[in-house]
């Protein structure tokens, strides 16, 4: 149980940072400096990490038996910039 929650916590942080890079570095590079390749690269990396995040979220949910509403909160927090910090603190109770 602890292993799947720990892996989820790790991918949660990595995916969160990739989201911030996409929003605050790659998108300004595209729209302010005319460099669309930054969004393509950062967007692809973030997309792969988000899929992995969703997969590990389901696995950790099954192993830890946290509530469905908790699972939804973790998912929604991943869509909000800096939401991963909230999730990181919440999953410590399940590790």
PDB file of N, CA and C in Angstrom:
ATOM      1  N   UNK A   1       0.813  -1.190   0.000  1.00  0.00           N
ATOM      2  CA  UNK A   1       0.000   0.000   0.000  1.00  0.00           C
ATOM      3  C   UNK A   1       0.859   1.258   0.000  1.00  0.00           C
ATOM      4  N   UNK A   2       1.805   1.332   0.871  1.00  0.00           N
ATOM      5  CA  UNK A   2       2.619   2.542   0.982  1.00  0.00           C
ATOM      6  C   UNK A   2       3.375   2.836  -0.310  1.00  0.00           C
ATOM      7  N   UNK A   3       3.792   1.789  -1.017  1.00  0.00           N
ATOM      8  CA  UNK A   3       4.572   1.976  -2.229  1.00  0.00           C
ATOM      9  C   UNK A   3       3.764   2.682  -3.312  1.00  0.00           C
ATOM     10  N   UNK A   4       2.508   2.286  -3.519  1.00  0.00           N
ATOM     11  CA  UNK A   4       1.696   2.926  -4.558  1.00  0.00           C
ATOM     12  C   UNK A   4       1.374   4.371  -4.191  1.00  0.00           C
ATOM     13  N   UNK A   5       1.139   4.640  -2.925  1.00  0.00           N
ATOM     14  CA  UNK A   5       0.867   6.014  -2.486  1.00  0.00           C
ATOM     15  C   UNK A   5       2.135   6.858  -2.625  1.00  0.00           C
ATOM     16  N   UNK A   6       3.271   6.282  -2.311  1.00  0.00           N
ATOM     17  CA  UNK A   6       4.539   7.006  -2.448  1.00  0.00           C
ATOM     18  C   UNK A   6       4.816   7.342  -3.918  1.00  0.00           C
ATOM     19  N   UNK A   7       4.578   6.380  -4.813  1.00  0.00           N
ATOM     20  CA  UNK A   7       4.765   6.636  -6.243  1.00  0.00           C
ATOM     21  C   UNK A   7       3.803   7.711  -6.731  1.00  0.00           C
ATOM     22  N   UNK A   8       2.555   7.646  -6.244  1.00  0.00           N
ATOM     23  CA  UNK A   8       1.589   8.675  -6.611  1.00  0.00           C
ATOM     24  C   UNK A   8       2.064  10.049  -6.137  1.00  0.00           C
ATOM     25  N   UNK A   9       2.581  10.127  -4.931  1.00  0.00           N
ATOM     26  CA  UNK A   9       3.093  11.394  -4.414  1.00  0.00           C
ATOM     27  C   UNK A   9       4.238  11.940  -5.240  1.00  0.00           C
ATOM     28  N   UNK A  10       5.093  11.043  -5.719  1.00  0.00           N
ATOM     29  CA  UNK A  10       6.219  11.489  -6.539  1.00  0.00           C
ATOM     30  C   UNK A  10       5.755  12.012  -7.893  1.00  0.00           C
ATOM     31  N   UNK A  11       4.865  11.246  -8.551  1.00  0.00           N
ATOM     32  CA  UNK A  11       4.390  11.694  -9.865  1.00  0.00           C
ATOM     33  C   UNK A  11       3.525  12.936  -9.727  1.00  0.00           C
ATOM     34  N   UNK A  12       2.846  13.075  -8.603  1.00  0.00           N
ATOM     35  CA  UNK A  12       2.062  14.272  -8.333  1.00  0.00           C
ATOM     36  C   UNK A  12       2.963  15.508  -8.374  1.00  0.00           C
ATOM     37  N   UNK A  13       4.099  15.437  -7.731  1.00  0.00           N
ATOM     38  CA  UNK A  13       5.027  16.574  -7.717  1.00  0.00           C
ATOM     39  C   UNK A  13       5.608  16.841  -9.103  1.00  0.00           C
ATOM     40  N   UNK A  14       6.059  15.799  -9.771  1.00  0.00           N
ATOM     41  CA  UNK A  14       6.674  15.964 -11.093  1.00  0.00           C
ATOM     42  C   UNK A  14       5.672  16.521 -12.094  1.00  0.00           C
ATOM     43  N   UNK A  15       4.458  15.957 -12.081  1.00  0.00           N
ATOM     44  CA  UNK A  15       3.419  16.423 -13.001  1.00  0.00           C
ATOM     45  C   UNK A  15       3.043  17.869 -12.691  1.00  0.00           C
ATOM     46  N   UNK A  16       3.000  18.220 -11.420  1.00  0.00           N
ATOM     47  CA  UNK A  16       2.691  19.596 -11.040  1.00  0.00           C
ATOM     48  C   UNK A  16       3.726  20.590 -11.539  1.00  0.00           C
ATOM     49  N   UNK A  17       4.995  20.227 -11.408  1.00  0.00           N
ATOM     50  CA  UNK A  17       6.050  21.108 -11.905  1.00  0.00           C
ATOM     51  C   UNK A  17       6.003  21.231 -13.427  1.00  0.00           C
ATOM     52  N   UNK A  18       5.678  20.128 -14.113  1.00  0.00           N
ATOM     53  CA  UNK A  18       5.587  20.194 -15.576  1.00  0.00           C
ATOM     54  C   UNK A  18       4.442  21.120 -15.997  1.00  0.00           C
ATOM     55  N   UNK A  19       3.359  21.120 -15.226  1.00  0.00           N
ATOM     56  CA  UNK A  19       2.232  22.008 -15.513  1.00  0.00           C
ATOM     57  C   UNK A  19       2.655  23.473 -15.346  1.00  0.00           C
ATOM     58  N   UNK A  20       3.375  23.754 -14.287  1.00  0.00           N
ATOM     59  CA  UNK A  20       3.849  25.122 -14.060  1.00  0.00           C
ATOM     60  C   UNK A  20       4.820  25.565 -15.149  1.00  0.00           C
ATOM     61  N   UNK A  21       5.683  24.660 -15.582  1.00  0.00           N
ATOM     62  CA  UNK A  21       6.619  24.970 -16.675  1.00  0.00           C
ATOM     63  C   UNK A  21       5.846  25.279 -17.951  1.00  0.00           C
ATOM     64  N   UNK A  22       4.814  24.462 -18.216  1.00  0.00           N
ATOM     65  CA  UNK A  22       3.989  24.685 -19.408  1.00  0.00           C
ATOM     66  C   UNK A  22       3.301  26.046 -19.344  1.00  0.00           C
ATOM     67  N   UNK A  23       2.697  26.361 -18.200  1.00  0.00           N
ATOM     68  CA  UNK A  23       1.942  27.610 -18.080  1.00  0.00           C
ATOM     69  C   UNK A  23       2.814  28.859 -18.033  1.00  0.00           C
ATOM     70  N   UNK A  24       3.891  28.802 -17.252  1.00  0.00           N
ATOM     71  CA  UNK A  24       4.645  30.025 -16.968  1.00  0.00           C
ATOM     72  C   UNK A  24       5.953  30.187 -17.735  1.00  0.00           C
ATOM     73  N   UNK A  25       6.372  29.148 -18.452  1.00  0.00           N
ATOM     74  CA  UNK A  25       7.596  29.271 -19.260  1.00  0.00           C
ATOM     75  C   UNK A  25       7.291  29.035 -20.736  1.00  0.00           C
ATOM     76  N   UNK A  26       6.695  27.862 -21.037  1.00  0.00           N
ATOM     77  CA  UNK A  26       6.494  27.508 -22.442  1.00  0.00           C
ATOM     78  C   UNK A  26       5.452  28.395 -23.130  1.00  0.00           C
ATOM     79  N   UNK A  27       4.328  28.652 -22.460  1.00  0.00           N
ATOM     80  CA  UNK A  27       3.298  29.471 -23.106  1.00  0.00           C
ATOM     81  C   UNK A  27       3.757  30.913 -23.345  1.00  0.00           C
ATOM     82  N   UNK A  28       4.431  31.552 -22.388  1.00  0.00           N
ATOM     83  CA  UNK A  28       4.964  32.887 -22.704  1.00  0.00           C
ATOM     84  C   UNK A  28       6.000  32.853 -23.832  1.00  0.00           C
ATOM     85  N   UNK A  29       6.783  31.781 -23.897  1.00  0.00           N
ATOM     86  CA  UNK A  29       7.749  31.683 -24.993  1.00  0.00           C
ATOM     87  C   UNK A  29       7.029  31.610 -26.339  1.00  0.00           C
ATOM     88  N   UNK A  30       5.891  30.928 -26.369  1.00  0.00           N
ATOM     89  CA  UNK A  30       5.134  30.818 -27.613  1.00  0.00           C
ATOM     90  C   UNK A  30       4.480  32.146 -27.989  1.00  0.00           C
ATOM     91  N   UNK A  31       3.767  32.750 -27.041  1.00  0.00           N
ATOM     92  CA  UNK A  31       2.957  33.922 -27.373  1.00  0.00           C
ATOM     93  C   UNK A  31       3.717  35.250 -27.320  1.00  0.00           C
ATOM     94  N   UNK A  32       4.746  35.341 -26.513  1.00  0.00           N
ATOM     95  CA  UNK A  32       5.501  36.591 -26.430  1.00  0.00           C
ATOM     96  C   UNK A  32       6.713  36.620 -27.365  1.00  0.00           C
ATOM     97  N   UNK A  33       7.330  35.452 -27.563  1.00  0.00           N
ATOM     98  CA  UNK A  33       8.567  35.408 -28.337  1.00  0.00           C
ATOM     99  C   UNK A  33       8.450  34.636 -29.643  1.00  0.00           C
ATOM    100  N   UNK A  34       7.246  34.109 -29.937  1.00  0.00           N
ATOM    101  CA  UNK A  34       7.032  33.420 -31.200  1.00  0.00           C
ATOM    102  C   UNK A  34       7.764  32.099 -31.322  1.00  0.00           C
ATOM    103  N   UNK A  35       7.884  31.367 -30.230  1.00  0.00           N
ATOM    104  CA  UNK A  35       8.596  30.102 -30.236  1.00  0.00           C
ATOM    105  C   UNK A  35       7.615  28.973 -29.852  1.00  0.00           C
ATOM    106  N   UNK A  36       6.823  28.498 -30.835  1.00  0.00           N
ATOM    107  CA  UNK A  36       5.784  27.497 -30.524  1.00  0.00           C
ATOM    108  C   UNK A  36       6.335  26.121 -30.146  1.00  0.00           C
ATOM    109  N   UNK A  37       7.563  25.846 -30.478  1.00  0.00           N
ATOM    110  CA  UNK A  37       8.142  24.539 -30.165  1.00  0.00           C
ATOM    111  C   UNK A  37       8.213  24.304 -28.652  1.00  0.00           C
ATOM    112  N   UNK A  38       8.317  25.366 -27.884  1.00  0.00           N
ATOM    113  CA  UNK A  38       8.375  25.228 -26.423  1.00  0.00           C
ATOM    114  C   UNK A  38       7.096  24.585 -25.890  1.00  0.00           C
ATOM    115  N   UNK A  39       5.943  24.980 -26.425  1.00  0.00           N
ATOM    116  CA  UNK A  39       4.672  24.411 -25.977  1.00  0.00           C
ATOM    117  C   UNK A  39       4.532  22.984 -26.468  1.00  0.00           C
ATOM    118  N   UNK A  40       5.006  22.695 -27.667  1.00  0.00           N
ATOM    119  CA  UNK A  40       4.927  21.325 -28.171  1.00  0.00           C
ATOM    120  C   UNK A  40       5.725  20.370 -27.297  1.00  0.00           C
ATOM    121  N   UNK A  41       6.922  20.760 -26.942  1.00  0.00           N
ATOM    122  CA  UNK A  41       7.782  19.897 -26.126  1.00  0.00           C
ATOM    123  C   UNK A  41       7.240  19.794 -24.700  1.00  0.00           C
ATOM    124  N   UNK A  42       7.015  20.931 -24.070  1.00  0.00           N
ATOM    125  CA  UNK A  42       6.526  20.919 -22.684  1.00  0.00           C
ATOM    126  C   UNK A  42       5.137  20.295 -22.599  1.00  0.00           C
ATOM    127  N   UNK A  43       4.306  20.544 -23.610  1.00  0.00           N
ATOM    128  CA  UNK A  43       2.963  19.987 -23.619  1.00  0.00           C
ATOM    129  C   UNK A  43       2.968  18.472 -23.747  1.00  0.00           C
ATOM    130  N   UNK A  44       3.852  17.941 -24.574  1.00  0.00           N
ATOM    131  CA  UNK A  44       3.936  16.489 -24.720  1.00  0.00           C
ATOM    132  C   UNK A  44       4.434  15.838 -23.431  1.00  0.00           C
ATOM    133  N   UNK A  45       5.443  16.411 -22.845  1.00  0.00           N
ATOM    134  CA  UNK A  45       5.972  15.869 -21.590  1.00  0.00           C
ATOM    135  C   UNK A  45       4.900  15.934 -20.504  1.00  0.00           C
ATOM    136  N   UNK A  46       4.225  17.058 -20.405  1.00  0.00           N
ATOM    137  CA  UNK A  46       3.165  17.198 -19.402  1.00  0.00           C
ATOM    138  C   UNK A  46       2.027  16.210 -19.655  1.00  0.00           C
ATOM    139  N   UNK A  47       1.663  16.014 -20.903  1.00  0.00           N
ATOM    140  CA  UNK A  47       0.591  15.078 -21.241  1.00  0.00           C
ATOM    141  C   UNK A  47       0.914  13.654 -20.827  1.00  0.00           C
ATOM    142  N   UNK A  48       2.122  13.220 -21.087  1.00  0.00           N
ATOM    143  CA  UNK A  48       2.553  11.876 -20.687  1.00  0.00           C
ATOM    144  C   UNK A  48       2.548  11.752 -19.165  1.00  0.00           C
ATOM    145  N   UNK A  49       3.052  12.763 -18.493  1.00  0.00           N
ATOM    146  CA  UNK A  49       3.069  12.739 -17.025  1.00  0.00           C
ATOM    147  C   UNK A  49       1.658  12.773 -16.448  1.00  0.00           C
ATOM    148  N   UNK A  50       0.733  13.477 -17.103  1.00  0.00           N
ATOM    149  CA  UNK A  50      -0.647  13.539 -16.616  1.00  0.00           C
ATOM    150  C   UNK A  50      -1.331  12.177 -16.749  1.00  0.00           C
ATOM    151  N   UNK A  51      -1.087  11.488 -17.839  1.00  0.00           N
ATOM    152  CA  UNK A  51      -1.644  10.141 -18.005  1.00  0.00           C
ATOM    153  C   UNK A  51      -1.093   9.219 -16.924  1.00  0.00           C
ATOM    154  N   UNK A  52       0.196   9.292 -16.685  1.00  0.00           N
ATOM    155  CA  UNK A  52       0.813   8.494 -15.628  1.00  0.00           C
ATOM    156  C   UNK A  52       0.245   8.870 -14.262  1.00  0.00           C
ATOM    157  N   UNK A  53       0.034  10.160 -14.031  1.00  0.00           N
ATOM    158  CA  UNK A  53      -0.579  10.643 -12.795  1.00  0.00           C
ATOM    159  C   UNK A  53      -1.952  10.001 -12.589  1.00  0.00           C
ATOM    160  N   UNK A  54      -2.782  10.018 -13.632  1.00  0.00           N
ATOM    161  CA  UNK A  54      -4.134   9.440 -13.532  1.00  0.00           C
ATOM    162  C   UNK A  54      -4.074   7.947 -13.239  1.00  0.00           C
ATOM    163  N   UNK A  55      -3.178   7.242 -13.897  1.00  0.00           N
ATOM    164  CA  UNK A  55      -3.028   5.806 -13.668  1.00  0.00           C
ATOM    165  C   UNK A  55      -2.604   5.521 -12.227  1.00  0.00           C
ATOM    166  N   UNK A  56      -1.607   6.236 -11.750  1.00  0.00           N
ATOM    167  CA  UNK A  56      -1.131   6.026 -10.378  1.00  0.00           C
ATOM    168  C   UNK A  56      -2.143   6.508  -9.343  1.00  0.00           C
ATOM    169  N   UNK A  57      -2.952   7.487  -9.689  1.00  0.00           N
ATOM    170  CA  UNK A  57      -4.021   7.926  -8.796  1.00  0.00           C
ATOM    171  C   UNK A  57      -5.013   6.793  -8.555  1.00  0.00           C
ATOM    172  N   UNK A  58      -5.408   6.109  -9.612  1.00  0.00           N
ATOM    173  CA  UNK A  58      -6.354   4.995  -9.479  1.00  0.00           C
ATOM    174  C   UNK A  58      -5.735   3.851  -8.691  1.00  0.00           C
ATOM    175  N   UNK A  59      -4.486   3.533  -8.965  1.00  0.00           N
ATOM    176  CA  UNK A  59      -3.808   2.441  -8.251  1.00  0.00           C
ATOM    177  C   UNK A  59      -3.680   2.767  -6.761  1.00  0.00           C
ATOM    178  N   UNK A  60      -3.248   3.994  -6.450  1.00  0.00           N
ATOM    179  CA  UNK A  60      -3.103   4.388  -5.038  1.00  0.00           C
ATOM    180  C   UNK A  60      -4.457   4.418  -4.344  1.00  0.00           C
ATOM    181  N   UNK A  61      -5.493   4.838  -5.048  1.00  0.00           N
ATOM    182  CA  UNK A  61      -6.849   4.882  -4.483  1.00  0.00           C
ATOM    183  C   UNK A  61      -7.307   3.484  -4.099  1.00  0.00           C
ATOM    184  N   UNK A  62      -7.082   2.525  -4.980  1.00  0.00           N
ATOM    185  CA  UNK A  62      -7.474   1.146  -4.675  1.00  0.00           C
ATOM    186  C   UNK A  62      -6.679   0.586  -3.499  1.00  0.00           C
ATOM    187  N   UNK A  63      -5.383   0.842  -3.476  1.00  0.00           N
ATOM    188  CA  UNK A  63      -4.528   0.287  -2.421  1.00  0.00           C
ATOM    189  C   UNK A  63      -4.763   0.936  -1.061  1.00  0.00           C
ATOM    190  N   UNK A  64      -4.964   2.238  -1.049  1.00  0.00           N
ATOM    191  CA  UNK A  64      -5.077   2.946   0.226  1.00  0.00           C
ATOM    192  C   UNK A  64      -6.500   3.007   0.749  1.00  0.00           C
ATOM    193  N   UNK A  65      -7.456   2.774  -0.132  1.00  0.00           N
ATOM    194  CA  UNK A  65      -8.877   2.783   0.231  1.00  0.00           C
ATOM    195  C   UNK A  65      -9.343   4.151   0.750  1.00  0.00           C
ATOM    196  N   UNK A  66      -8.760   5.241   0.197  1.00  0.00           N
ATOM    197  CA  UNK A  66      -9.298   6.532   0.570  1.00  0.00           C
ATOM    198  C   UNK A  66     -10.629   6.719  -0.142  1.00  0.00           C
ATOM    199  N   UNK A  67     -11.421   7.667   0.288  1.00  0.00           N
ATOM    200  CA  UNK A  67     -12.786   7.828  -0.215  1.00  0.00           C
ATOM    201  C   UNK A  67     -12.799   8.319  -1.666  1.00  0.00           C
ATOM    202  N   UNK A  68     -13.941   8.114  -2.314  1.00  0.00           N
ATOM    203  CA  UNK A  68     -14.108   8.576  -3.689  1.00  0.00           C
ATOM    204  C   UNK A  68     -13.994  10.101  -3.755  1.00  0.00           C
ATOM    205  N   UNK A  69     -14.562  10.786  -2.773  1.00  0.00           N
ATOM    206  CA  UNK A  69     -14.490  12.246  -2.771  1.00  0.00           C
ATOM    207  C   UNK A  69     -13.040  12.726  -2.620  1.00  0.00           C
ATOM    208  N   UNK A  70     -12.252  12.002  -1.836  1.00  0.00           N
ATOM    209  CA  UNK A  70     -10.830  12.340  -1.699  1.00  0.00           C
ATOM    210  C   UNK A  70     -10.120  12.173  -3.048  1.00  0.00           C
ATOM    211  N   UNK A  71     -10.483  11.130  -3.755  1.00  0.00           N
ATOM    212  CA  UNK A  71      -9.912  10.875  -5.071  1.00  0.00           C
ATOM    213  C   UNK A  71     -10.249  12.015  -6.032  1.00  0.00           C
ATOM    214  N   UNK A  72     -11.473  12.464  -6.005  1.00  0.00           N
ATOM    215  CA  UNK A  72     -11.903  13.572  -6.864  1.00  0.00           C
ATOM    216  C   UNK A  72     -11.153  14.850  -6.493  1.00  0.00           C
ATOM    217  N   UNK A  73     -10.971  15.089  -5.208  1.00  0.00           N
ATOM    218  CA  UNK A  73     -10.215  16.267  -4.758  1.00  0.00           C
ATOM    219  C   UNK A  73      -8.787  16.227  -5.279  1.00  0.00           C
ATOM    220  N   UNK A  74      -8.157  15.052  -5.214  1.00  0.00           N
ATOM    221  CA  UNK A  74      -6.789  14.922  -5.732  1.00  0.00           C
ATOM    222  C   UNK A  74      -6.740  15.213  -7.229  1.00  0.00           C
ATOM    223  N   UNK A  75      -7.742  14.723  -7.963  1.00  0.00           N
ATOM    224  CA  UNK A  75      -7.768  14.948  -9.403  1.00  0.00           C
ATOM    225  C   UNK A  75      -7.978  16.426  -9.719  1.00  0.00           C
ATOM    226  N   UNK A  76      -8.945  17.041  -9.079  1.00  0.00           N
ATOM    227  CA  UNK A  76      -9.234  18.458  -9.339  1.00  0.00           C
ATOM    228  C   UNK A  76      -8.042  19.324  -8.943  1.00  0.00           C
ATOM    229  N   UNK A  77      -7.386  18.991  -7.852  1.00  0.00           N
ATOM    230  CA  UNK A  77      -6.208  19.762  -7.425  1.00  0.00           C
ATOM    231  C   UNK A  77      -5.095  19.712  -8.465  1.00  0.00           C
ATOM    232  N   UNK A  78      -5.036  18.622  -9.231  1.00  0.00           N
ATOM    233  CA  UNK A  78      -4.002  18.524 -10.265  1.00  0.00           C
ATOM    234  C   UNK A  78      -4.273  19.472 -11.429  1.00  0.00           C
ATOM    235  N   UNK A  79      -5.494  19.947 -11.565  1.00  0.00           N
ATOM    236  CA  UNK A  79      -5.855  20.852 -12.659  1.00  0.00           C
ATOM    237  C   UNK A  79      -5.619  22.316 -12.311  1.00  0.00           C
ATOM    238  N   UNK A  80      -5.365  22.589 -11.044  1.00  0.00           N
ATOM    239  CA  UNK A  80      -5.174  23.953 -10.563  1.00  0.00           C
ATOM    240  C   UNK A  80      -3.678  24.205 -10.354  1.00  0.00           C
ATOM    241  N   UNK A  81      -3.158  25.308 -10.893  1.00  0.00           N
ATOM    242  CA  UNK A  81      -1.751  25.602 -10.620  1.00  0.00           C
ATOM    243  C   UNK A  81      -1.494  25.649  -9.113  1.00  0.00           C
ATOM    244  N   UNK A  82      -0.452  25.035  -8.698  1.00  0.00           N
ATOM    245  CA  UNK A  82      -0.031  24.927  -7.297  1.00  0.00           C
ATOM    246  C   UNK A  82      -0.937  24.004  -6.471  1.00  0.00           C
ATOM    247  N   UNK A  83      -1.876  23.322  -7.101  1.00  0.00           N
ATOM    248  CA  UNK A  83      -2.744  22.380  -6.406  1.00  0.00           C
ATOM    249  C   UNK A  83      -2.014  21.140  -5.936  1.00  0.00           C
ATOM    250  N   UNK A  84      -0.886  20.841  -6.561  1.00  0.00           N
ATOM    251  CA  UNK A  84      -0.122  19.664  -6.159  1.00  0.00           C
ATOM    252  C   UNK A  84       0.437  19.809  -4.752  1.00  0.00           C
ATOM    253  N   UNK A  85       0.644  21.040  -4.299  1.00  0.00           N
ATOM    254  CA  UNK A  85       1.142  21.231  -2.939  1.00  0.00           C
ATOM    255  C   UNK A  85       0.072  20.835  -1.923  1.00  0.00           C
ATOM    256  N   UNK A  86      -1.177  21.105  -2.258  1.00  0.00           N
ATOM    257  CA  UNK A  86      -2.289  20.678  -1.408  1.00  0.00           C
ATOM    258  C   UNK A  86      -2.341  19.150  -1.348  1.00  0.00           C
ATOM    259  N   UNK A  87      -2.270  18.518  -2.506  1.00  0.00           N
ATOM    260  CA  UNK A  87      -2.322  17.057  -2.583  1.00  0.00           C
ATOM    261  C   UNK A  87      -1.150  16.431  -1.845  1.00  0.00           C
ATOM    262  N   UNK A  88       0.001  16.998  -1.998  1.00  0.00           N
ATOM    263  CA  UNK A  88       1.206  16.466  -1.354  1.00  0.00           C
ATOM    264  C   UNK A  88       1.033  16.407   0.152  1.00  0.00           C
ATOM    265  N   UNK A  89       0.455  17.434   0.727  1.00  0.00           N
ATOM    266  CA  UNK A  89       0.229  17.449   2.170  1.00  0.00           C
ATOM    267  C   UNK A  89      -0.854  16.462   2.596  1.00  0.00           C
ATOM    268  N   UNK A  90      -1.889  16.291   1.765  1.00  0.00           N
ATOM    269  CA  UNK A  90      -2.988  15.377   2.115  1.00  0.00           C
ATOM    270  C   UNK A  90      -2.573  13.911   2.076  1.00  0.00           C
ATOM    271  N   UNK A  91      -1.720  13.539   1.100  1.00  0.00           N
ATOM    272  CA  UNK A  91      -1.383  12.115   0.979  1.00  0.00           C
ATOM    273  C   UNK A  91      -0.395  11.645   2.042  1.00  0.00           C
ATOM    274  N   UNK A  92       0.212  12.549   2.765  1.00  0.00           N
ATOM    275  CA  UNK A  92       1.132  12.147   3.831  1.00  0.00           C
ATOM    276  C   UNK A  92       0.406  11.281   4.871  1.00  0.00           C
ATOM    277  N   UNK A  93      -0.878  11.500   5.039  1.00  0.00           N
ATOM    278  CA  UNK A  93      -1.648  10.703   5.991  1.00  0.00           C
ATOM    279  C   UNK A  93      -1.811   9.258   5.545  1.00  0.00           C
ATOM    280  N   UNK A  94      -1.670   9.007   4.241  1.00  0.00           N
ATOM    281  CA  UNK A  94      -1.855   7.668   3.705  1.00  0.00           C
ATOM    282  C   UNK A  94      -0.542   6.916   3.507  1.00  0.00           C
ATOM    283  N   UNK A  95       0.576   7.578   3.647  1.00  0.00           N
ATOM    284  CA  UNK A  95       1.876   6.921   3.448  1.00  0.00           C
ATOM    285  C   UNK A  95       2.236   6.060   4.642  1.00  0.00           C
TER     286      UNK A  95
END
